[in-house]
Amino acid sequence: MQLKIIFFTITDSYKRDALLKNILLVPCLIPTLRSCFKNLKYLEPCCTILKQLLGSKQKSTIWRSFSAVYFRLKNLNIKYLEDQITPLSLTIFKGDK
């Protein structure tokens, strides 16, 4: 006998079983709204600091703002000796050009 604690508004047992099966296939914890808001306590100060680093003129998201300032060089090779070439991957600050 199912207690119908979750999906209590769905009365069709086939739909309930399908929903439960799909949820059990998710390989990680599914956060609740309560845990999301609890996590915001820790994330908000970090976001505030990052926004201060970017300055008050930034209107974009933190991710886009930092992505606009930094870029990754691809396929950069350093030649040490005549026959020795080493690949190097760097992140360069655009203001350092």
PDB file of N, CA and C in Angstrom:
ATOM      1  N   MET A   1       0.835  -1.184   0.000  1.00  0.00           N
ATOM      2  CA  MET A   1       0.000   0.000   0.000  1.00  0.00           C
ATOM      3  C   MET A   1       0.883   1.252   0.000  1.00  0.00           C
ATOM      4  N   GLN A   2       0.595   2.170  -0.894  1.00  0.00           N
ATOM      5  CA  GLN A   2       1.363   3.407  -0.983  1.00  0.00           C
ATOM      6  C   GLN A   2       0.726   4.461  -0.083  1.00  0.00           C
ATOM      7  N   LEU A   3       1.572   5.207   0.618  1.00  0.00           N
ATOM      8  CA  LEU A   3       1.066   6.223   1.541  1.00  0.00           C
ATOM      9  C   LEU A   3       0.716   7.536   0.851  1.00  0.00           C
ATOM     10  N   LYS A   4       1.177   7.733  -0.384  1.00  0.00           N
ATOM     11  CA  LYS A   4       0.904   8.940  -1.160  1.00  0.00           C
ATOM     12  C   LYS A   4       1.359  10.202  -0.428  1.00  0.00           C
ATOM     13  N   ILE A   5       2.567  10.128   0.127  1.00  0.00           N
ATOM     14  CA  ILE A   5       3.121  11.293   0.807  1.00  0.00           C
ATOM     15  C   ILE A   5       3.587  12.319  -0.218  1.00  0.00           C
ATOM     16  N   ILE A   6       4.259  11.835  -1.283  1.00  0.00           N
ATOM     17  CA  ILE A   6       4.628  12.739  -2.368  1.00  0.00           C
ATOM     18  C   ILE A   6       3.677  12.486  -3.536  1.00  0.00           C
ATOM     19  N   PHE A   7       3.483  13.500  -4.340  1.00  0.00           N
ATOM     20  CA  PHE A   7       2.540  13.431  -5.477  1.00  0.00           C
ATOM     21  C   PHE A   7       1.130  13.101  -5.004  1.00  0.00           C
ATOM     22  N   PHE A   8       0.732  13.626  -3.876  1.00  0.00           N
ATOM     23  CA  PHE A   8      -0.575  13.269  -3.315  1.00  0.00           C
ATOM     24  C   PHE A   8      -1.745  13.734  -4.178  1.00  0.00           C
ATOM     25  N   THR A   9      -1.514  14.702  -5.078  1.00  0.00           N
ATOM     26  CA  THR A   9      -2.610  15.164  -5.940  1.00  0.00           C
ATOM     27  C   THR A   9      -2.783  14.287  -7.175  1.00  0.00           C
ATOM     28  N   ILE A  10      -1.818  13.414  -7.455  1.00  0.00           N
ATOM     29  CA  ILE A  10      -1.905  12.525  -8.618  1.00  0.00           C
ATOM     30  C   ILE A  10      -2.502  11.207  -8.155  1.00  0.00           C
ATOM     31  N   THR A  11      -3.657  10.903  -8.704  1.00  0.00           N
ATOM     32  CA  THR A  11      -4.364   9.694  -8.270  1.00  0.00           C
ATOM     33  C   THR A  11      -4.084   8.492  -9.166  1.00  0.00           C
ATOM     34  N   ASP A  12      -3.664   8.728 -10.389  1.00  0.00           N
ATOM     35  CA  ASP A  12      -3.368   7.630 -11.316  1.00  0.00           C
ATOM     36  C   ASP A  12      -2.078   6.935 -10.869  1.00  0.00           C
ATOM     37  N   SER A  13      -2.165   5.671 -10.519  1.00  0.00           N
ATOM     38  CA  SER A  13      -1.018   4.945  -9.975  1.00  0.00           C
ATOM     39  C   SER A  13       0.096   4.772 -11.015  1.00  0.00           C
ATOM     40  N   TYR A  14      -0.240   4.663 -12.291  1.00  0.00           N
ATOM     41  CA  TYR A  14       0.786   4.526 -13.329  1.00  0.00           C
ATOM     42  C   TYR A  14       1.611   5.812 -13.441  1.00  0.00           C
ATOM     43  N   LYS A  15       0.942   6.958 -13.386  1.00  0.00           N
ATOM     44  CA  LYS A  15       1.649   8.239 -13.444  1.00  0.00           C
ATOM     45  C   LYS A  15       2.524   8.421 -12.201  1.00  0.00           C
ATOM     46  N   ARG A  16       1.999   8.038 -11.048  1.00  0.00           N
ATOM     47  CA  ARG A  16       2.770   8.145  -9.813  1.00  0.00           C
ATOM     48  C   ARG A  16       4.024   7.284  -9.876  1.00  0.00           C
ATOM     49  N   ASP A  17       3.881   6.058 -10.370  1.00  0.00           N
ATOM     50  CA  ASP A  17       5.027   5.156 -10.489  1.00  0.00           C
ATOM     51  C   ASP A  17       6.058   5.690 -11.480  1.00  0.00           C
ATOM     52  N   ALA A  18       5.578   6.260 -12.588  1.00  0.00           N
ATOM     53  CA  ALA A  18       6.489   6.820 -13.593  1.00  0.00           C
ATOM     54  C   ALA A  18       7.251   8.018 -13.025  1.00  0.00           C
ATOM     55  N   LEU A  19       6.558   8.879 -12.299  1.00  0.00           N
ATOM     56  CA  LEU A  19       7.213  10.028 -11.667  1.00  0.00           C
ATOM     57  C   LEU A  19       8.274   9.569 -10.666  1.00  0.00           C
ATOM     58  N   LEU A  20       7.921   8.627  -9.835  1.00  0.00           N
ATOM     59  CA  LEU A  20       8.858   8.119  -8.833  1.00  0.00           C
ATOM     60  C   LEU A  20      10.075   7.483  -9.498  1.00  0.00           C
ATOM     61  N   LYS A  21       9.835   6.708 -10.557  1.00  0.00           N
ATOM     62  CA  LYS A  21      10.931   6.063 -11.277  1.00  0.00           C
ATOM     63  C   LYS A  21      11.878   7.111 -11.859  1.00  0.00           C
ATOM     64  N   ASN A  22      11.331   8.171 -12.451  1.00  0.00           N
ATOM     65  CA  ASN A  22      12.164   9.228 -13.035  1.00  0.00           C
ATOM     66  C   ASN A  22      12.958   9.974 -11.966  1.00  0.00           C
ATOM     67  N   ILE A  23      12.346  10.238 -10.849  1.00  0.00           N
ATOM     68  CA  ILE A  23      13.049  10.945  -9.771  1.00  0.00           C
ATOM     69  C   ILE A  23      14.178  10.092  -9.210  1.00  0.00           C
ATOM     70  N   LEU A  24      13.949   8.808  -9.082  1.00  0.00           N
ATOM     71  CA  LEU A  24      14.994   7.924  -8.551  1.00  0.00           C
ATOM     72  C   LEU A  24      16.168   7.774  -9.511  1.00  0.00           C
ATOM     73  N   LEU A  25      15.988   8.110 -10.781  1.00  0.00           N
ATOM     74  CA  LEU A  25      17.075   8.047 -11.763  1.00  0.00           C
ATOM     75  C   LEU A  25      18.008   9.257 -11.681  1.00  0.00           C
ATOM     76  N   VAL A  26      17.593  10.308 -11.021  1.00  0.00           N
ATOM     77  CA  VAL A  26      18.435  11.499 -10.888  1.00  0.00           C
ATOM     78  C   VAL A  26      19.612  11.141  -9.979  1.00  0.00           C
ATOM     79  N   PRO A  27      20.862  11.308 -10.489  1.00  0.00           N
ATOM     80  CA  PRO A  27      22.030  10.833  -9.744  1.00  0.00           C
ATOM     81  C   PRO A  27      22.525  11.762  -8.637  1.00  0.00           C
ATOM     82  N   CYS A  28      21.760  12.760  -8.287  1.00  0.00           N
ATOM     83  CA  CYS A  28      22.207  13.673  -7.237  1.00  0.00           C
ATOM     84  C   CYS A  28      21.020  14.057  -6.358  1.00  0.00           C
ATOM     85  N   LEU A  29      21.329  14.788  -5.305  1.00  0.00           N
ATOM     86  CA  LEU A  29      20.270  15.269  -4.431  1.00  0.00           C
ATOM     87  C   LEU A  29      19.453  16.331  -5.143  1.00  0.00           C
ATOM     88  N   ILE A  30      18.170  16.300  -4.969  1.00  0.00           N
ATOM     89  CA  ILE A  30      17.293  17.317  -5.528  1.00  0.00           C
ATOM     90  C   ILE A  30      17.010  18.307  -4.415  1.00  0.00           C
ATOM     91  N   PRO A  31      17.493  19.557  -4.572  1.00  0.00           N
ATOM     92  CA  PRO A  31      17.337  20.513  -3.480  1.00  0.00           C
ATOM     93  C   PRO A  31      15.897  20.981  -3.319  1.00  0.00           C
ATOM     94  N   THR A  32      15.556  21.295  -2.107  1.00  0.00           N
ATOM     95  CA  THR A  32      14.257  21.881  -1.823  1.00  0.00           C
ATOM     96  C   THR A  32      14.383  23.393  -1.885  1.00  0.00           C
ATOM     97  N   LEU A  33      13.281  24.098  -1.911  1.00  0.00           N
ATOM     98  CA  LEU A  33      13.344  25.558  -1.872  1.00  0.00           C
ATOM     99  C   LEU A  33      14.012  26.023  -0.588  1.00  0.00           C
ATOM    100  N   ARG A  34      13.738  25.315   0.497  1.00  0.00           N
ATOM    101  CA  ARG A  34      14.343  25.675   1.785  1.00  0.00           C
ATOM    102  C   ARG A  34      15.864  25.603   1.715  1.00  0.00           C
ATOM    103  N   SER A  35      16.399  24.512   1.124  1.00  0.00           N
ATOM    104  CA  SER A  35      17.854  24.385   1.039  1.00  0.00           C
ATOM    105  C   SER A  35      18.443  25.405   0.069  1.00  0.00           C
ATOM    106  N   CYS A  36      17.716  25.757  -0.991  1.00  0.00           N
ATOM    107  CA  CYS A  36      18.203  26.793  -1.918  1.00  0.00           C
ATOM    108  C   CYS A  36      18.345  28.126  -1.201  1.00  0.00           C
ATOM    109  N   PHE A  37      17.339  28.510  -0.441  1.00  0.00           N
ATOM    110  CA  PHE A  37      17.403  29.774   0.284  1.00  0.00           C
ATOM    111  C   PHE A  37      18.469  29.733   1.375  1.00  0.00           C
ATOM    112  N   LYS A  38      18.669  28.567   1.967  1.00  0.00           N
ATOM    113  CA  LYS A  38      19.708  28.422   2.980  1.00  0.00           C
ATOM    114  C   LYS A  38      21.090  28.603   2.353  1.00  0.00           C
ATOM    115  N   ASN A  39      21.270  28.063   1.152  1.00  0.00           N
ATOM    116  CA  ASN A  39      22.550  28.204   0.451  1.00  0.00           C
ATOM    117  C   ASN A  39      22.819  29.648   0.046  1.00  0.00           C
ATOM    118  N   LEU A  40      21.773  30.411  -0.197  1.00  0.00           N
ATOM    119  CA  LEU A  40      21.947  31.811  -0.574  1.00  0.00           C
ATOM    120  C   LEU A  40      22.640  32.613   0.518  1.00  0.00           C
ATOM    121  N   LYS A  41      22.470  32.194   1.777  1.00  0.00           N
ATOM    122  CA  LYS A  41      23.161  32.856   2.895  1.00  0.00           C
ATOM    123  C   LYS A  41      24.665  32.866   2.671  1.00  0.00           C
ATOM    124  N   TYR A  42      25.186  31.799   2.094  1.00  0.00           N
ATOM    125  CA  TYR A  42      26.620  31.655   1.885  1.00  0.00           C
ATOM    126  C   TYR A  42      27.069  32.240   0.545  1.00  0.00           C
ATOM    127  N   LEU A  43      26.207  32.199  -0.443  1.00  0.00           N
ATOM    128  CA  LEU A  43      26.575  32.671  -1.774  1.00  0.00           C
ATOM    129  C   LEU A  43      26.475  34.185  -1.928  1.00  0.00           C
ATOM    130  N   GLU A  44      25.547  34.793  -1.224  1.00  0.00           N
ATOM    131  CA  GLU A  44      25.326  36.231  -1.379  1.00  0.00           C
ATOM    132  C   GLU A  44      26.558  37.074  -1.019  1.00  0.00           C
ATOM    133  N   PRO A  45      27.245  36.815   0.100  1.00  0.00           N
ATOM    134  CA  PRO A  45      28.448  37.596   0.390  1.00  0.00           C
ATOM    135  C   PRO A  45      29.534  37.429  -0.685  1.00  0.00           C
ATOM    136  N   CYS A  46      29.662  36.222  -1.237  1.00  0.00           N
ATOM    137  CA  CYS A  46      30.645  35.991  -2.307  1.00  0.00           C
ATOM    138  C   CYS A  46      30.295  36.825  -3.539  1.00  0.00           C
ATOM    139  N   CYS A  47      29.033  36.855  -3.894  1.00  0.00           N
ATOM    140  CA  CYS A  47      28.591  37.645  -5.045  1.00  0.00           C
ATOM    141  C   CYS A  47      28.827  39.130  -4.809  1.00  0.00           C
ATOM    142  N   THR A  48      28.584  39.587  -3.599  1.00  0.00           N
ATOM    143  CA  THR A  48      28.795  40.997  -3.270  1.00  0.00           C
ATOM    144  C   THR A  48      30.261  41.374  -3.454  1.00  0.00           C
ATOM    145  N   ILE A  49      31.167  40.524  -3.006  1.00  0.00           N
ATOM    146  CA  ILE A  49      32.600  40.783  -3.150  1.00  0.00           C
ATOM    147  C   ILE A  49      32.991  40.805  -4.622  1.00  0.00           C
ATOM    148  N   LEU A  50      32.504  39.840  -5.394  1.00  0.00           N
ATOM    149  CA  LEU A  50      32.832  39.792  -6.817  1.00  0.00           C
ATOM    150  C   LEU A  50      32.301  41.021  -7.550  1.00  0.00           C
ATOM    151  N   LYS A  51      31.109  41.472  -7.196  1.00  0.00           N
ATOM    152  CA  LYS A  51      30.546  42.669  -7.821  1.00  0.00           C
ATOM    153  C   LYS A  51      31.383  43.894  -7.494  1.00  0.00           C
ATOM    154  N   GLN A  52      31.918  43.974  -6.278  1.00  0.00           N
ATOM    155  CA  GLN A  52      32.778  45.092  -5.903  1.00  0.00           C
ATOM    156  C   GLN A  52      34.069  45.079  -6.709  1.00  0.00           C
ATOM    157  N   LEU A  53      34.585  43.882  -6.995  1.00  0.00           N
ATOM    158  CA  LEU A  53      35.792  43.786  -7.820  1.00  0.00           C
ATOM    159  C   LEU A  53      35.543  44.280  -9.238  1.00  0.00           C
ATOM    160  N   LEU A  54      34.345  44.041  -9.737  1.00  0.00           N
ATOM    161  CA  LEU A  54      34.003  44.450 -11.099  1.00  0.00           C
ATOM    162  C   LEU A  54      33.705  45.936 -11.203  1.00  0.00           C
ATOM    163  N   GLY A  55      33.259  46.535 -10.136  1.00  0.00           N
ATOM    164  CA  GLY A  55      32.908  47.950 -10.161  1.00  0.00           C
ATOM    165  C   GLY A  55      31.416  48.140 -10.372  1.00  0.00           C
ATOM    166  N   SER A  56      30.963  49.340 -10.106  1.00  0.00           N
ATOM    167  CA  SER A  56      29.523  49.609 -10.133  1.00  0.00           C
ATOM    168  C   SER A  56      28.962  49.799 -11.542  1.00  0.00           C
ATOM    169  N   LYS A  57      29.821  49.946 -12.550  1.00  0.00           N
ATOM    170  CA  LYS A  57      29.352  50.198 -13.912  1.00  0.00           C
ATOM    171  C   LYS A  57      28.868  48.943 -14.624  1.00  0.00           C
ATOM    172  N   GLN A  58      29.184  47.762 -14.098  1.00  0.00           N
ATOM    173  CA  GLN A  58      28.807  46.511 -14.746  1.00  0.00           C
ATOM    174  C   GLN A  58      27.308  46.262 -14.608  1.00  0.00           C
ATOM    175  N   LYS A  59      26.635  46.086 -15.721  1.00  0.00           N
ATOM    176  CA  LYS A  59      25.197  45.812 -15.717  1.00  0.00           C
ATOM    177  C   LYS A  59      24.896  44.354 -16.053  1.00  0.00           C
ATOM    178  N   SER A  60      25.903  43.615 -16.451  1.00  0.00           N
ATOM    179  CA  SER A  60      25.750  42.228 -16.864  1.00  0.00           C
ATOM    180  C   SER A  60      25.872  41.294 -15.647  1.00  0.00           C
ATOM    181  N   THR A  61      25.727  39.992 -15.876  1.00  0.00           N
ATOM    182  CA  THR A  61      25.905  39.023 -14.799  1.00  0.00           C
ATOM    183  C   THR A  61      27.378  38.957 -14.399  1.00  0.00           C
ATOM    184  N   ILE A  62      27.648  38.402 -13.239  1.00  0.00           N
ATOM    185  CA  ILE A  62      29.026  38.270 -12.769  1.00  0.00           C
ATOM    186  C   ILE A  62      29.829  37.420 -13.751  1.00  0.00           C
ATOM    187  N   TRP A  63      29.260  36.311 -14.188  1.00  0.00           N
ATOM    188  CA  TRP A  63      29.947  35.410 -15.119  1.00  0.00           C
ATOM    189  C   TRP A  63      30.314  36.130 -16.416  1.00  0.00           C
ATOM    190  N   ARG A  64      29.364  36.833 -17.006  1.00  0.00           N
ATOM    191  CA  ARG A  64      29.624  37.533 -18.269  1.00  0.00           C
ATOM    192  C   ARG A  64      30.620  38.673 -18.084  1.00  0.00           C
ATOM    193  N   SER A  65      30.528  39.349 -16.965  1.00  0.00           N
ATOM    194  CA  SER A  65      31.443  40.459 -16.712  1.00  0.00           C
ATOM    195  C   SER A  65      32.884  39.971 -16.590  1.00  0.00           C
ATOM    196  N   PHE A  66      33.113  38.896 -15.838  1.00  0.00           N
ATOM    197  CA  PHE A  66      34.465  38.367 -15.710  1.00  0.00           C
ATOM    198  C   PHE A  66      34.936  37.733 -17.016  1.00  0.00           C
ATOM    199  N   SER A  67      34.031  37.097 -17.752  1.00  0.00           N
ATOM    200  CA  SER A  67      34.401  36.503 -19.035  1.00  0.00           C
ATOM    201  C   SER A  67      34.822  37.573 -20.033  1.00  0.00           C
ATOM    202  N   ALA A  68      34.240  38.753 -19.931  1.00  0.00           N
ATOM    203  CA  ALA A  68      34.588  39.843 -20.838  1.00  0.00           C
ATOM    204  C   ALA A  68      35.973  40.411 -20.527  1.00  0.00           C
ATOM    205  N   VAL A  69      36.462  40.222 -19.317  1.00  0.00           N
ATOM    206  CA  VAL A  69      37.747  40.780 -18.909  1.00  0.00           C
ATOM    207  C   VAL A  69      38.896  39.790 -19.159  1.00  0.00           C
ATOM    208  N   TYR A  70      38.620  38.505 -19.094  1.00  0.00           N
ATOM    209  CA  TYR A  70      39.635  37.478 -19.249  1.00  0.00           C
ATOM    210  C   TYR A  70      39.366  36.651 -20.498  1.00  0.00           C
ATOM    211  N   PHE A  71      40.427  36.140 -21.115  1.00  0.00           N
ATOM    212  CA  PHE A  71      40.260  35.202 -22.214  1.00  0.00           C
ATOM    213  C   PHE A  71      41.380  34.181 -22.153  1.00  0.00           C
ATOM    214  N   ARG A  72      41.147  33.023 -22.717  1.00  0.00           N
ATOM    215  CA  ARG A  72      42.120  31.928 -22.690  1.00  0.00           C
ATOM    216  C   ARG A  72      42.771  31.806 -24.072  1.00  0.00           C
ATOM    217  N   LEU A  73      44.093  31.797 -24.075  1.00  0.00           N
ATOM    218  CA  LEU A  73      44.830  31.573 -25.310  1.00  0.00           C
ATOM    219  C   LEU A  73      44.865  30.076 -25.595  1.00  0.00           C
ATOM    220  N   LYS A  74      44.740  29.717 -26.852  1.00  0.00           N
ATOM    221  CA  LYS A  74      44.788  28.299 -27.225  1.00  0.00           C
ATOM    222  C   LYS A  74      46.030  28.047 -28.073  1.00  0.00           C
ATOM    223  N   ASN A  75      46.564  26.856 -27.962  1.00  0.00           N
ATOM    224  CA  ASN A  75      47.677  26.396 -28.791  1.00  0.00           C
ATOM    225  C   ASN A  75      48.893  27.323 -28.731  1.00  0.00           C
ATOM    226  N   LEU A  76      49.292  27.680 -27.545  1.00  0.00           N
ATOM    227  CA  LEU A  76      50.488  28.497 -27.360  1.00  0.00           C
ATOM    228  C   LEU A  76      51.652  27.562 -27.071  1.00  0.00           C
ATOM    229  N   ASN A  77      52.697  27.639 -27.879  1.00  0.00           N
ATOM    230  CA  ASN A  77      53.865  26.776 -27.711  1.00  0.00           C
ATOM    231  C   ASN A  77      55.075  27.619 -27.345  1.00  0.00           C
ATOM    232  N   ILE A  78      55.880  27.114 -26.425  1.00  0.00           N
ATOM    233  CA  ILE A  78      57.115  27.765 -26.009  1.00  0.00           C
ATOM    234  C   ILE A  78      58.283  26.932 -26.528  1.00  0.00           C
ATOM    235  N   LYS A  79      59.219  27.590 -27.209  1.00  0.00           N
ATOM    236  CA  LYS A  79      60.393  26.889 -27.726  1.00  0.00           C
ATOM    237  C   LYS A  79      61.573  27.192 -26.811  1.00  0.00           C
ATOM    238  N   TYR A  80      62.049  26.154 -26.102  1.00  0.00           N
ATOM    239  CA  TYR A  80      63.166  26.315 -25.175  1.00  0.00           C
ATOM    240  C   TYR A  80      64.504  26.126 -25.889  1.00  0.00           C
ATOM    241  N   LEU A  81      64.597  25.043 -26.602  1.00  0.00           N
ATOM    242  CA  LEU A  81      65.807  24.737 -27.355  1.00  0.00           C
ATOM    243  C   LEU A  81      65.406  24.511 -28.809  1.00  0.00           C
ATOM    244  N   GLU A  82      66.370  24.265 -29.639  1.00  0.00           N
ATOM    245  CA  GLU A  82      66.090  24.065 -31.065  1.00  0.00           C
ATOM    246  C   GLU A  82      65.087  22.931 -31.298  1.00  0.00           C
ATOM    247  N   ASP A  83      65.184  21.876 -30.512  1.00  0.00           N
ATOM    248  CA  ASP A  83      64.319  20.711 -30.729  1.00  0.00           C
ATOM    249  C   ASP A  83      63.315  20.481 -29.592  1.00  0.00           C
ATOM    250  N   GLN A  84      63.152  21.438 -28.700  1.00  0.00           N
ATOM    251  CA  GLN A  84      62.252  21.248 -27.556  1.00  0.00           C
ATOM    252  C   GLN A  84      61.153  22.308 -27.555  1.00  0.00           C
ATOM    253  N   ILE A  85      59.921  21.875 -27.875  1.00  0.00           N
ATOM    254  CA  ILE A  85      58.757  22.756 -27.890  1.00  0.00           C
ATOM    255  C   ILE A  85      57.757  22.238 -26.863  1.00  0.00           C
ATOM    256  N   THR A  86      57.297  23.125 -25.992  1.00  0.00           N
ATOM    257  CA  THR A  86      56.371  22.749 -24.927  1.00  0.00           C
ATOM    258  C   THR A  86      55.064  23.528 -25.069  1.00  0.00           C
ATOM    259  N   PRO A  87      53.925  22.830 -25.095  1.00  0.00           N
ATOM    260  CA  PRO A  87      52.651  23.551 -25.137  1.00  0.00           C
ATOM    261  C   PRO A  87      52.391  24.253 -23.806  1.00  0.00           C
ATOM    262  N   LEU A  88      51.786  25.438 -23.873  1.00  0.00           N
ATOM    263  CA  LEU A  88      51.524  26.224 -22.684  1.00  0.00           C
ATOM    264  C   LEU A  88      50.125  26.798 -22.777  1.00  0.00           C
ATOM    265  N   SER A  89      49.378  26.732 -21.692  1.00  0.00           N
ATOM    266  CA  SER A  89      48.031  27.285 -21.656  1.00  0.00           C
ATOM    267  C   SER A  89      47.986  28.357 -20.581  1.00  0.00           C
ATOM    268  N   LEU A  90      47.616  29.580 -20.963  1.00  0.00           N
ATOM    269  CA  LEU A  90      47.591  30.704 -20.041  1.00  0.00           C
ATOM    270  C   LEU A  90      46.254  31.423 -20.112  1.00  0.00           C
ATOM    271  N   THR A  91      45.906  32.063 -19.027  1.00  0.00           N
ATOM    272  CA  THR A  91      44.798  32.999 -19.021  1.00  0.00           C
ATOM    273  C   THR A  91      45.398  34.393 -18.917  1.00  0.00           C
ATOM    274  N   ILE A  92      45.053  35.240 -19.839  1.00  0.00           N
ATOM    275  CA  ILE A  92      45.642  36.575 -19.917  1.00  0.00           C
ATOM    276  C   ILE A  92      44.582  37.620 -19.563  1.00  0.00           C
ATOM    277  N   PHE A  93      44.971  38.589 -18.760  1.00  0.00           N
ATOM    278  CA  PHE A  93      44.094  39.700 -18.420  1.00  0.00           C
ATOM    279  C   PHE A  93      44.127  40.682 -19.586  1.00  0.00           C
ATOM    280  N   LYS A  94      42.958  41.056 -20.099  1.00  0.00           N
ATOM    281  CA  LYS A  94      42.904  41.895 -21.293  1.00  0.00           C
ATOM    282  C   LYS A  94      43.576  43.242 -21.083  1.00  0.00           C
ATOM    283  N   GLY A  95      43.604  43.743 -19.871  1.00  0.00           N
ATOM    284  CA  GLY A  95      44.224  45.028 -19.604  1.00  0.00           C
ATOM    285  C   GLY A  95      45.734  44.968 -19.676  1.00  0.00           C
ATOM    286  N   ASP A  96      46.343  43.774 -19.728  1.00  0.00           N
ATOM    287  CA  ASP A  96      47.797  43.613 -19.760  1.00  0.00           C
ATOM    288  C   ASP A  96      48.374  43.626 -21.168  1.00  0.00           C
ATOM    289  N   LYS A  97      47.601  43.862 -22.181  1.00  0.00           N
ATOM    290  CA  LYS A  97      48.098  43.788 -23.555  1.00  0.00           C
ATOM    291  C   LYS A  97      49.211  44.755 -23.818  1.00  0.00           C
TER     292      LYS A  97
END
